């Protein structure tokens, strides 16, 4: 899976790249809203992780919303987005909900919390219809 990670620090980007890379994901990290715009126009991604601590993150949220609804996004697809928010930042949480974020992760978070969100949001379990077999037993009288 190819993931765009928009982070407030280079260190956060490296941690995400290393952590998710261990599980076979390719992570492209940026730290500025302008870089997000360029990448969304130039490359395709299977998922996005956005840290609302990034300067201009409101711009990045808008760009992601635009990307998901514009012609740049593959027809019929809705690229999942996980938004990282500070626990006390209710405005960022509302903004994430408004763009239809697949997941919201509160900072600080553990590696396991992040991986759980990635699995839940980027690899949703599809409902499986169970087939039930009916057996009819007939009595045979002889």
Foldseek 3Di string as FASTA:
>chain_A
DEEEEADQDVVVQVVVQVLVVVVPYHYDYDQALVVLLVCLQPHDGQAYEYECNRVVVLSVLVSLLCSQPDPSHPPPDGRAYEYEYAPPPVVVVVSCVVSPHLYYHHPPDDSVVVVVSCCCRSPPDDDDDDDDDDDDDDDDDD
